[in-house]
Amino acid sequence: MVRTLPNQGVVEKKWRIANNATRFAVVACGPSILFCGGALLPLDVAIAQDMHGSEPADTAGNRAQPAYDAVGIRLGSIRVLPTLGLTGSWDSNVLASSDDAVSDFSATLVPAVRAEWNNPRRQISLNGEMRIRRYAELHRQNDEQYRAQAAARFEISDNTAISANLGWANVTATRGTFENGFQVGDPLRMREVNADLSVLQRFNRLTVVASASASRFRYGDVRLDDGTSIDQSFRNGHQIGGSLRARYVVGPRLSLVSRVTANKFDYSDPDPLTNRNATAYAVTGGISYELTQLLEAEVDAGIQKHNFRNPAFGDISGLALNARLRWYPTPLLTVRFDVSQRTTTSSFNATSAVAVTSGRLAADYELRRNLLISADVNYSHEKYGAGDNVSGLLTLSGQAAWKANRWLRVTGRASYDRRGSNSDVTIPEFDALRFMLTLTVAR
């Protein structure tokens, strides 16, 4: 087995890596990650509602459709919601290659089940999903992905709540992202176990949420086309962290918000010249203002820093920024805008970390009671190390989701990815066009 770093020898001509060697978020939504929310919803939505104010229920994208929504299977006080999805896809650039793009069709079978138990003070949910993907010609890209998630929220009193989450995933990292820059070879596999615990407390006008999290991640080796095995064990490690978020209601429309986060990253890489062990923190403050009942905006800014134990890597610091906007111009249209930042460890042996600034503009339009039209513009700006090497990934997508009845849903989606870069150190430039049609049977 060969342990090779990205810009060494002939292998550099075949492939490049740009990944975050920290936790690969289970709740992320990407081209190959469709397990969005799931068992996390009772926790994350509840916390978001407490800290940001909940989105109105009677708006596009949130409105319940009792005549079309699945009812599940009742087992006493537990409701079980099984689903079976089948997706047919065409990808113009499966390997996210800068040259000689290869297209292919694929079929993905997604059996999933969710069990939930809810009462006014307690919510518990379990989620499981398996994704089996098969390509028409690129059989080496066939994969299976597995996820399991458990979540619980307990309201101790009207002013106190505790939330907990435990998850496991065995997934394929999406090509063309800073998680996976391989342009040849087998899929890059990653396993993760993650857990978090949050406590929410209200003090009259003040709401405080204290959270702690931990994750353990392991990467599989990647076998290239010529049979070479690329050792990825130097990316294995664990992360622990915590955060404190506060929201103070000044008046009917104005609130002050602040957050402090800290994380510690430890990797199993035995080479002291390339080990990325680090600590990171961010401190921000800002305001949330409800301009009208139909428009709410929130922004907080501050500083962030990523400190490496290895003196060969310079510390990274800069602006920390978060923004959120919700606009409901009509009962049938919802517009969302979000900005977030994070700094994660890089696997480049010449680049210490990558600072990622992500922005998303999305809209949901309820064309008919059972037909939702959605559009998204996502942009991720990535700055590598303390130098001037930058890369950006733009994704444009549109989707139509039709609920035929309680048990059948049809979703069509088209997306376009464009990556640009000012340096060969980052992921090479590429374009990709994708079409997907999904049939979901729900009980």
Protein backbone atom coordinates (compact mmCIF):
# COMPACT_ATOMS: atom_id res chain seq x y z
CA MET A 1 0.00 0.00 0.00
CA VAL A 2 1.32 3.44 -0.90
CA ARG A 3 0.80 6.51 1.26
CA THR A 4 0.94 9.48 -1.10
CA LEU A 5 0.18 13.15 -0.55
CA PRO A 6 -1.49 15.23 -3.26
CA ASN A 7 1.45 16.92 -4.96
CA GLN A 8 4.04 14.19 -4.98
CA GLY A 9 5.38 12.67 -8.19
CA VAL A 10 3.40 11.21 -11.06
CA VAL A 11 0.29 10.68 -8.97
CA GLU A 12 -0.24 14.47 -8.90
CA LYS A 13 -0.86 14.35 -12.66
CA LYS A 14 -3.74 11.94 -12.14
CA TRP A 15 -5.56 13.28 -9.19
CA ARG A 16 -5.86 16.07 -6.65
CA ILE A 17 -7.41 16.24 -3.21
CA ALA A 18 -9.14 19.09 -1.49
CA ASN A 19 -11.20 17.89 1.43
CA ASN A 20 -12.16 18.86 4.91
CA ALA A 21 -10.63 16.24 7.15
CA THR A 22 -13.09 17.20 9.82
CA ARG A 23 -16.61 15.87 10.18
CA PHE A 24 -18.65 15.36 7.00
CA ALA A 25 -22.02 16.65 8.07
CA VAL A 26 -24.74 14.05 7.88
CA VAL A 27 -27.38 16.66 7.42
CA ALA A 28 -25.72 18.30 4.40
CA CYS A 29 -27.65 18.46 1.14
CA GLY A 30 -25.44 17.92 -1.90
CA PRO A 31 -25.50 16.28 -5.32
CA SER A 32 -25.22 12.81 -3.79
CA ILE A 33 -26.53 13.46 -0.28
CA LEU A 34 -30.29 13.51 -0.17
CA PHE A 35 -30.85 12.55 3.47
CA CYS A 36 -31.64 16.16 4.39
CA GLY A 37 -32.97 16.57 7.87
CA GLY A 38 -34.62 13.27 8.67
CA ALA A 39 -34.21 12.45 12.30
CA LEU A 40 -32.51 15.77 12.95
CA LEU A 41 -35.62 17.81 12.28
CA PRO A 42 -37.24 17.62 15.70
CA LEU A 43 -34.01 18.95 17.24
CA ASP A 44 -32.59 21.40 14.76
CA VAL A 45 -35.91 22.89 13.75
CA ALA A 46 -36.92 23.38 17.35
CA ILE A 47 -33.62 25.04 18.26
CA ALA A 48 -33.75 27.20 15.13
CA GLN A 49 -37.26 28.29 15.97
CA ASP A 50 -36.21 29.25 19.47
CA MET A 51 -33.16 31.20 18.30
CA HIS A 52 -34.36 32.69 15.02
CA GLY A 53 -38.14 32.63 15.26
CA SER A 54 -40.07 29.97 13.42
CA GLU A 55 -41.08 30.30 9.80
CA PRO A 56 -44.84 30.67 9.40
CA ALA A 57 -46.52 27.30 8.90
CA ASP A 58 -48.94 28.58 6.28
CA THR A 59 -46.32 29.51 3.65
CA ALA A 60 -44.90 27.86 0.54
CA GLY A 61 -42.50 25.06 1.42
CA ASN A 62 -43.90 24.75 4.96
CA ARG A 63 -47.63 24.35 4.40
CA ALA A 64 -49.06 20.98 5.39
CA GLN A 65 -51.22 19.22 2.80
CA PRO A 66 -53.41 16.79 4.78
CA ALA A 67 -55.01 15.41 1.62
CA TYR A 68 -51.58 14.52 0.15
CA ASP A 69 -49.20 13.95 3.08
CA ALA A 70 -48.38 10.40 4.16
CA VAL A 71 -50.10 9.28 7.36
CA GLY A 72 -47.73 6.45 8.31
CA ILE A 73 -48.46 3.36 10.35
CA ARG A 74 -49.65 3.68 13.92
CA LEU A 75 -48.15 1.32 16.49
CA GLY A 76 -49.73 2.53 19.69
CA SER A 77 -48.29 6.00 20.38
CA ILE A 78 -45.51 5.52 17.80
CA ARG A 79 -45.90 6.54 14.17
CA VAL A 80 -43.78 4.75 11.54
CA LEU A 81 -43.27 6.32 8.12
CA PRO A 82 -41.64 3.97 5.60
CA THR A 83 -40.69 5.26 2.14
CA LEU A 84 -39.17 3.76 -0.98
CA GLY A 85 -37.59 6.02 -3.57
CA LEU A 86 -36.23 5.30 -7.04
CA THR A 87 -34.17 7.97 -8.81
CA GLY A 88 -32.99 7.93 -12.39
CA SER A 89 -30.11 10.36 -13.06
CA TRP A 90 -27.92 11.60 -15.88
CA ASP A 91 -24.62 13.30 -15.06
CA SER A 92 -22.54 15.00 -17.76
CA ASN A 93 -19.34 14.78 -15.70
CA VAL A 94 -19.49 11.92 -13.21
CA LEU A 95 -15.84 12.28 -12.12
CA ALA A 96 -15.91 16.12 -11.99
CA SER A 97 -13.02 16.15 -14.49
CA SER A 98 -11.50 19.32 -15.88
CA ASP A 99 -10.73 17.49 -19.17
CA ASP A 100 -12.36 14.59 -21.00
CA ALA A 101 -15.60 14.63 -19.01
CA VAL A 102 -17.40 11.28 -18.92
CA SER A 103 -21.20 11.17 -18.72
CA ASP A 104 -23.39 8.30 -17.58
CA PHE A 105 -26.84 7.28 -16.40
CA SER A 106 -27.45 5.88 -12.93
CA ALA A 107 -30.31 4.43 -10.92
CA THR A 108 -30.57 4.82 -7.15
CA LEU A 109 -32.86 2.84 -4.87
CA VAL A 110 -33.53 4.48 -1.49
CA PRO A 111 -35.46 2.50 1.15
CA ALA A 112 -35.92 4.51 4.35
CA VAL A 113 -37.92 4.39 7.53
CA ARG A 114 -38.69 6.91 10.24
CA ALA A 115 -40.25 6.19 13.62
CA GLU A 116 -41.40 9.02 15.84
CA TRP A 117 -43.04 9.46 19.19
CA ASN A 118 -44.44 12.87 20.02
CA ASN A 119 -46.30 14.43 22.90
CA PRO A 120 -46.44 18.08 23.99
CA ARG A 121 -43.28 17.76 26.12
CA ARG A 122 -41.27 14.99 24.49
CA GLN A 123 -40.26 14.13 20.96
CA ILE A 124 -38.18 11.10 19.99
CA SER A 125 -37.35 9.98 16.47
CA LEU A 126 -35.31 7.27 14.76
CA ASN A 127 -34.28 7.41 11.11
CA GLY A 128 -32.62 4.86 8.86
CA GLU A 129 -31.75 5.04 5.20
CA MET A 130 -29.88 3.02 2.58
CA ARG A 131 -28.92 4.30 -0.88
CA ILE A 132 -27.98 1.76 -3.56
CA ARG A 133 -26.61 3.43 -6.70
CA ARG A 134 -25.74 1.67 -9.95
CA TYR A 135 -24.25 3.21 -13.11
CA ALA A 136 -25.00 2.04 -16.63
CA GLU A 137 -21.33 2.02 -17.75
CA LEU A 138 -19.07 3.34 -14.99
CA HIS A 139 -19.53 0.30 -12.78
CA ARG A 140 -16.55 1.21 -10.57
CA GLN A 141 -18.56 4.19 -9.35
CA ASN A 142 -21.36 1.98 -8.00
CA ASP A 143 -21.82 2.49 -4.29
CA GLU A 144 -24.02 1.97 -1.27
CA GLN A 145 -24.56 4.54 1.44
CA TYR A 146 -26.00 3.97 4.90
CA ARG A 147 -27.22 6.34 7.59
CA ALA A 148 -28.84 5.99 10.99
CA GLN A 149 -29.92 8.81 13.26
CA ALA A 150 -31.59 9.11 16.65
CA ALA A 151 -32.86 12.34 18.16
CA ALA A 152 -34.71 13.39 21.28
CA ARG A 153 -36.03 16.63 22.73
CA PHE A 154 -37.42 17.02 26.24
CA GLU A 155 -39.09 20.18 27.51
CA ILE A 156 -38.35 20.25 31.22
CA SER A 157 -40.50 23.35 31.68
CA ASP A 158 -41.89 26.21 29.63
CA ASN A 159 -38.43 27.81 29.74
CA THR A 160 -36.06 24.84 29.66
CA ALA A 161 -35.43 22.18 27.01
CA ILE A 162 -32.78 19.53 26.39
CA SER A 163 -31.99 18.07 22.96
CA ALA A 164 -29.72 15.15 22.08
CA ASN A 165 -28.63 13.59 18.81
CA LEU A 166 -26.64 10.50 17.83
CA GLY A 167 -25.78 9.57 14.25
CA TRP A 168 -23.78 7.12 12.18
CA ALA A 169 -23.00 7.24 8.48
CA ASN A 170 -21.06 5.25 5.89
CA VAL A 171 -21.13 7.46 2.80
CA THR A 172 -19.39 8.48 -0.42
CA ALA A 173 -17.84 11.96 -0.45
CA THR A 174 -19.12 14.01 -3.41
CA ARG A 175 -16.54 14.56 -6.15
CA GLY A 176 -15.67 18.10 -7.13
CA THR A 177 -16.04 19.47 -3.61
CA PHE A 178 -13.29 20.36 -1.14
CA GLU A 179 -14.14 17.06 0.58
CA ASN A 180 -13.11 15.04 -2.48
CA GLY A 181 -10.91 16.20 -5.37
CA PHE A 182 -10.21 12.75 -6.87
CA GLN A 183 -10.88 12.71 -10.63
CA VAL A 184 -10.06 9.05 -11.14
CA GLY A 185 -10.35 5.83 -9.20
CA ASP A 186 -12.94 4.32 -6.91
CA PRO A 187 -15.34 6.41 -4.81
CA LEU A 188 -13.90 7.98 -1.67
CA ARG A 189 -15.57 6.40 1.35
CA MET A 190 -15.97 7.90 4.81
CA ARG A 191 -17.44 6.63 8.06
CA GLU A 192 -18.52 8.86 10.90
CA VAL A 193 -20.08 8.68 14.32
CA ASN A 194 -21.33 11.98 15.72
CA ALA A 195 -23.21 13.16 18.78
CA ASP A 196 -24.38 16.44 20.21
CA LEU A 197 -26.22 17.72 23.26
CA SER A 198 -27.95 21.10 23.63
CA VAL A 199 -29.60 22.82 26.57
CA LEU A 200 -31.94 25.76 26.01
CA GLN A 201 -32.90 28.17 28.76
CA ARG A 202 -35.12 31.25 28.61
CA PHE A 203 -34.72 34.11 31.07
CA ASN A 204 -37.62 36.43 30.29
CA ARG A 205 -36.31 38.34 27.22
CA LEU A 206 -33.07 36.36 27.00
CA THR A 207 -32.75 32.91 25.36
CA VAL A 208 -29.50 30.97 25.70
CA VAL A 209 -28.51 27.69 24.02
CA ALA A 210 -25.37 25.84 25.17
CA SER A 211 -24.23 22.95 22.95
CA ALA A 212 -21.50 20.32 22.95
CA SER A 213 -20.60 18.04 20.04
CA ALA A 214 -18.19 15.29 19.14
CA SER A 215 -17.44 13.24 16.04
CA ARG A 216 -15.11 10.47 14.95
CA PHE A 217 -14.31 10.02 11.24
CA ARG A 218 -12.46 7.40 9.23
CA TYR A 219 -11.59 7.43 5.51
CA GLY A 220 -11.11 4.43 3.26
CA ASP A 221 -8.18 4.08 0.86
CA VAL A 222 -8.79 4.94 -2.79
CA ARG A 223 -7.74 2.55 -5.55
CA LEU A 224 -6.72 4.33 -8.76
CA ASP A 225 -7.24 3.08 -12.30
CA ASP A 226 -3.76 1.52 -12.43
CA GLY A 227 -4.35 -0.38 -9.19
CA THR A 228 -2.38 1.97 -6.96
CA SER A 229 -3.88 2.24 -3.49
CA ILE A 230 -3.80 5.74 -2.02
CA ASP A 231 -3.65 5.64 1.77
CA GLN A 232 -6.16 8.07 3.35
CA SER A 233 -5.59 7.13 6.97
CA PHE A 234 -3.78 10.43 7.63
CA ARG A 235 -7.24 12.03 7.42
CA ASN A 236 -8.66 9.94 10.24
CA GLY A 237 -9.37 11.68 13.51
CA HIS A 238 -11.92 13.14 15.85
CA GLN A 239 -13.36 16.52 16.77
CA ILE A 240 -14.91 17.92 19.90
CA GLY A 241 -16.48 21.32 20.28
CA GLY A 242 -18.96 23.56 21.95
CA SER A 243 -20.97 26.69 21.35
CA LEU A 244 -22.96 29.27 23.27
CA ARG A 245 -25.71 31.21 21.49
CA ALA A 246 -27.78 34.02 22.96
CA ARG A 247 -30.75 36.05 21.77
CA TYR A 248 -32.09 39.08 23.64
CA VAL A 249 -35.44 40.56 22.66
CA VAL A 250 -35.16 44.35 22.75
CA GLY A 251 -38.59 45.12 21.32
CA PRO A 252 -41.44 43.65 19.30
CA ARG A 253 -39.31 43.62 16.13
CA LEU A 254 -35.66 43.90 17.27
CA SER A 255 -33.43 41.29 18.93
CA LEU A 256 -29.71 41.20 19.69
CA VAL A 257 -27.91 37.95 18.83
CA SER A 258 -24.46 36.59 19.63
CA ARG A 259 -22.57 33.32 19.45
CA VAL A 260 -19.26 31.85 20.61
CA THR A 261 -17.93 28.57 19.19
CA ALA A 262 -14.79 26.54 19.87
CA ASN A 263 -13.53 23.30 18.31
CA LYS A 264 -10.55 21.00 18.80
CA PHE A 265 -9.33 18.74 15.96
CA ASP A 266 -7.05 15.72 16.50
CA TYR A 267 -5.78 13.55 13.65
CA SER A 268 -4.06 10.18 13.63
CA ASP A 269 -1.45 11.25 11.06
CA PRO A 270 1.88 10.22 12.66
CA ASP A 271 3.95 12.56 10.45
CA PRO A 272 4.65 15.75 12.44
CA LEU A 273 5.32 17.62 9.17
CA THR A 274 1.81 17.09 7.85
CA ASN A 275 -0.33 16.61 10.98
CA ARG A 276 -3.14 19.21 11.12
CA ASN A 277 -4.06 19.09 14.81
CA ALA A 278 -5.65 22.42 15.63
CA THR A 279 -7.99 24.45 17.78
CA ALA A 280 -10.46 26.95 16.36
CA TYR A 281 -12.84 29.54 17.71
CA ALA A 282 -15.23 32.23 16.48
CA VAL A 283 -17.01 35.10 18.25
CA THR A 284 -19.82 37.05 16.59
CA GLY A 285 -22.57 39.50 17.46
CA GLY A 286 -25.37 41.17 15.58
CA ILE A 287 -29.08 41.90 15.29
CA SER A 288 -32.30 40.27 14.15
CA TYR A 289 -34.97 42.61 12.85
CA GLU A 290 -38.49 41.87 11.69
CA LEU A 291 -39.12 44.60 9.12
CA THR A 292 -42.71 43.44 8.72
CA GLN A 293 -44.57 40.23 9.48
CA LEU A 294 -43.51 39.15 5.98
CA LEU A 295 -39.79 40.01 6.12
CA GLU A 296 -37.22 39.06 8.76
CA ALA A 297 -33.46 39.65 8.54
CA GLU A 298 -30.63 38.59 10.84
CA VAL A 299 -26.88 39.22 10.57
CA ASP A 300 -23.99 38.71 12.97
CA ALA A 301 -20.29 39.28 12.39
CA GLY A 302 -17.06 38.95 14.32
CA ILE A 303 -13.71 37.19 14.24
CA GLN A 304 -12.56 33.62 13.75
CA LYS A 305 -9.18 31.94 14.16
CA HIS A 306 -7.70 28.52 13.39
CA ASN A 307 -4.55 27.73 15.41
CA PHE A 308 -2.31 24.82 14.38
CA ARG A 309 -0.04 22.97 16.78
CA ASN A 310 2.37 22.38 13.92
CA PRO A 311 4.61 25.49 13.71
CA ALA A 312 5.07 24.85 9.97
CA PHE A 313 1.48 25.96 9.40
CA GLY A 314 0.58 29.58 9.90
CA ASP A 315 -2.56 30.36 11.88
CA ILE A 316 -5.59 31.54 9.90
CA SER A 317 -7.79 34.38 11.07
CA GLY A 318 -10.35 36.69 9.57
CA LEU A 319 -13.96 37.76 9.45
CA ALA A 320 -16.70 35.50 10.79
CA LEU A 321 -20.06 36.19 9.18
CA ASN A 322 -23.55 34.72 9.38
CA ALA A 323 -26.69 36.09 7.74
CA ARG A 324 -30.30 34.96 7.40
CA LEU A 325 -33.26 36.47 5.56
CA ARG A 326 -36.83 35.20 5.25
CA TRP A 327 -39.36 36.92 2.98
CA TYR A 328 -42.95 35.89 2.31
CA PRO A 329 -44.19 38.30 -0.40
CA THR A 330 -47.35 36.24 -0.99
CA PRO A 331 -48.93 33.19 0.67
CA LEU A 332 -47.69 31.13 -2.30
CA LEU A 333 -44.03 32.33 -2.40
CA THR A 334 -41.19 31.98 0.11
CA VAL A 335 -37.71 33.43 -0.39
CA ARG A 336 -34.72 32.44 1.77
CA PHE A 337 -31.17 33.80 1.86
CA ASP A 338 -28.38 32.43 4.07
CA VAL A 339 -24.65 33.12 4.49
CA SER A 340 -22.30 31.10 6.68
CA GLN A 341 -18.56 30.62 7.17
CA ARG A 342 -16.28 27.94 8.50
CA THR A 343 -12.61 27.03 8.46
CA THR A 344 -11.71 23.35 8.11
CA THR A 345 -8.48 21.44 7.92
CA SER A 346 -7.07 20.80 4.44
CA SER A 347 -5.44 17.58 3.27
CA PHE A 348 -2.95 19.39 1.00
CA ASN A 349 0.58 18.91 2.29
CA ALA A 350 1.36 22.51 1.23
CA THR A 351 -1.89 24.05 2.47
CA SER A 352 -2.91 24.09 6.10
CA ALA A 353 -6.65 24.80 5.96
CA VAL A 354 -9.49 26.01 3.79
CA ALA A 355 -11.83 28.85 4.78
CA VAL A 356 -15.26 28.33 3.23
CA THR A 357 -17.84 31.09 2.81
CA SER A 358 -21.18 29.76 1.57
CA GLY A 359 -24.19 31.66 0.32
CA ARG A 360 -27.61 30.35 -0.70
CA LEU A 361 -30.58 32.07 -2.30
CA ALA A 362 -33.67 29.88 -2.63
CA ALA A 363 -37.34 30.26 -3.46
CA ASP A 364 -40.38 27.99 -3.13
CA TYR A 365 -43.49 28.68 -5.17
CA GLU A 366 -46.70 26.76 -4.63
CA LEU A 367 -48.03 26.59 -8.18
CA ARG A 368 -50.84 24.32 -7.07
CA ARG A 369 -51.83 22.86 -3.74
CA ASN A 370 -49.88 19.68 -4.51
CA LEU A 371 -47.21 21.11 -6.85
CA LEU A 372 -44.20 22.98 -5.45
CA ILE A 373 -41.66 24.70 -7.72
CA SER A 374 -38.24 25.46 -6.20
CA ALA A 375 -35.11 27.26 -7.39
CA ASP A 376 -31.70 27.54 -5.72
CA VAL A 377 -28.49 29.46 -6.28
CA ASN A 378 -25.59 28.25 -4.13
CA TYR A 379 -22.06 29.62 -4.13
CA SER A 380 -19.11 28.44 -2.06
CA HIS A 381 -15.94 30.55 -1.94
CA GLU A 382 -12.91 28.62 -0.69
CA LYS A 383 -9.64 30.23 0.39
CA TYR A 384 -6.75 27.81 0.89
CA GLY A 385 -4.21 28.55 3.59
CA ALA A 386 -2.90 32.01 4.33
CA GLY A 387 -2.01 32.69 0.68
CA ASP A 388 -3.99 33.87 -2.32
CA ASN A 389 -5.16 30.50 -3.63
CA VAL A 390 -8.94 30.53 -4.00
CA SER A 391 -11.59 28.38 -5.60
CA GLY A 392 -15.33 28.75 -6.03
CA LEU A 393 -18.21 26.38 -6.71
CA LEU A 394 -21.46 27.72 -8.19
CA THR A 395 -24.54 25.51 -8.29
CA LEU A 396 -27.78 26.47 -10.03
CA SER A 397 -30.77 24.17 -9.61
CA GLY A 398 -34.48 23.95 -10.20
CA GLN A 399 -36.98 21.41 -8.92
CA ALA A 400 -40.64 20.51 -9.27
CA ALA A 401 -42.23 18.29 -6.61
CA TRP A 402 -45.69 16.86 -7.29
CA LYS A 403 -47.73 14.93 -4.72
CA ALA A 404 -50.02 12.72 -6.76
CA ASN A 405 -51.74 11.41 -3.61
CA ARG A 406 -50.85 10.29 -0.10
CA TRP A 407 -48.56 7.49 -1.23
CA LEU A 408 -46.94 8.71 -4.47
CA ARG A 409 -44.63 11.67 -5.06
CA VAL A 410 -42.79 12.63 -8.26
CA THR A 411 -39.82 15.01 -8.18
CA GLY A 412 -37.88 16.34 -11.15
CA ARG A 413 -34.62 18.21 -10.65
CA ALA A 414 -32.01 19.84 -12.91
CA SER A 415 -28.74 21.35 -11.71
CA TYR A 416 -25.57 22.89 -13.10
CA ASP A 417 -22.20 23.03 -11.31
CA ARG A 418 -19.33 25.30 -12.27
CA ARG A 419 -16.03 25.37 -10.38
CA GLY A 420 -13.47 28.09 -10.96
CA SER A 421 -9.97 28.39 -9.53
CA ASN A 422 -6.99 30.72 -9.70
CA SER A 423 -4.41 28.04 -8.91
CA ASP A 424 -3.55 24.39 -9.53
CA VAL A 425 -3.24 23.98 -5.76
CA THR A 426 -7.01 23.92 -5.47
CA ILE A 427 -9.50 21.62 -7.14
CA PRO A 428 -9.30 21.91 -10.95
CA GLU A 429 -12.03 23.74 -12.81
CA PHE A 430 -14.95 21.72 -14.19
CA ASP A 431 -18.55 21.94 -15.40
CA ALA A 432 -21.32 19.43 -14.77
CA LEU A 433 -24.97 19.23 -15.77
CA ARG A 434 -27.31 16.84 -13.97
CA PHE A 435 -30.92 15.71 -14.38
CA MET A 436 -32.84 13.59 -11.88
CA LEU A 437 -36.33 12.09 -11.75
CA THR A 438 -37.45 10.54 -8.47
CA LEU A 439 -40.52 8.43 -7.68
CA THR A 440 -41.23 8.06 -3.96
CA VAL A 441 -43.77 5.69 -2.48
CA ALA A 442 -44.76 6.60 1.07
CA ARG A 443 -47.14 4.86 3.46
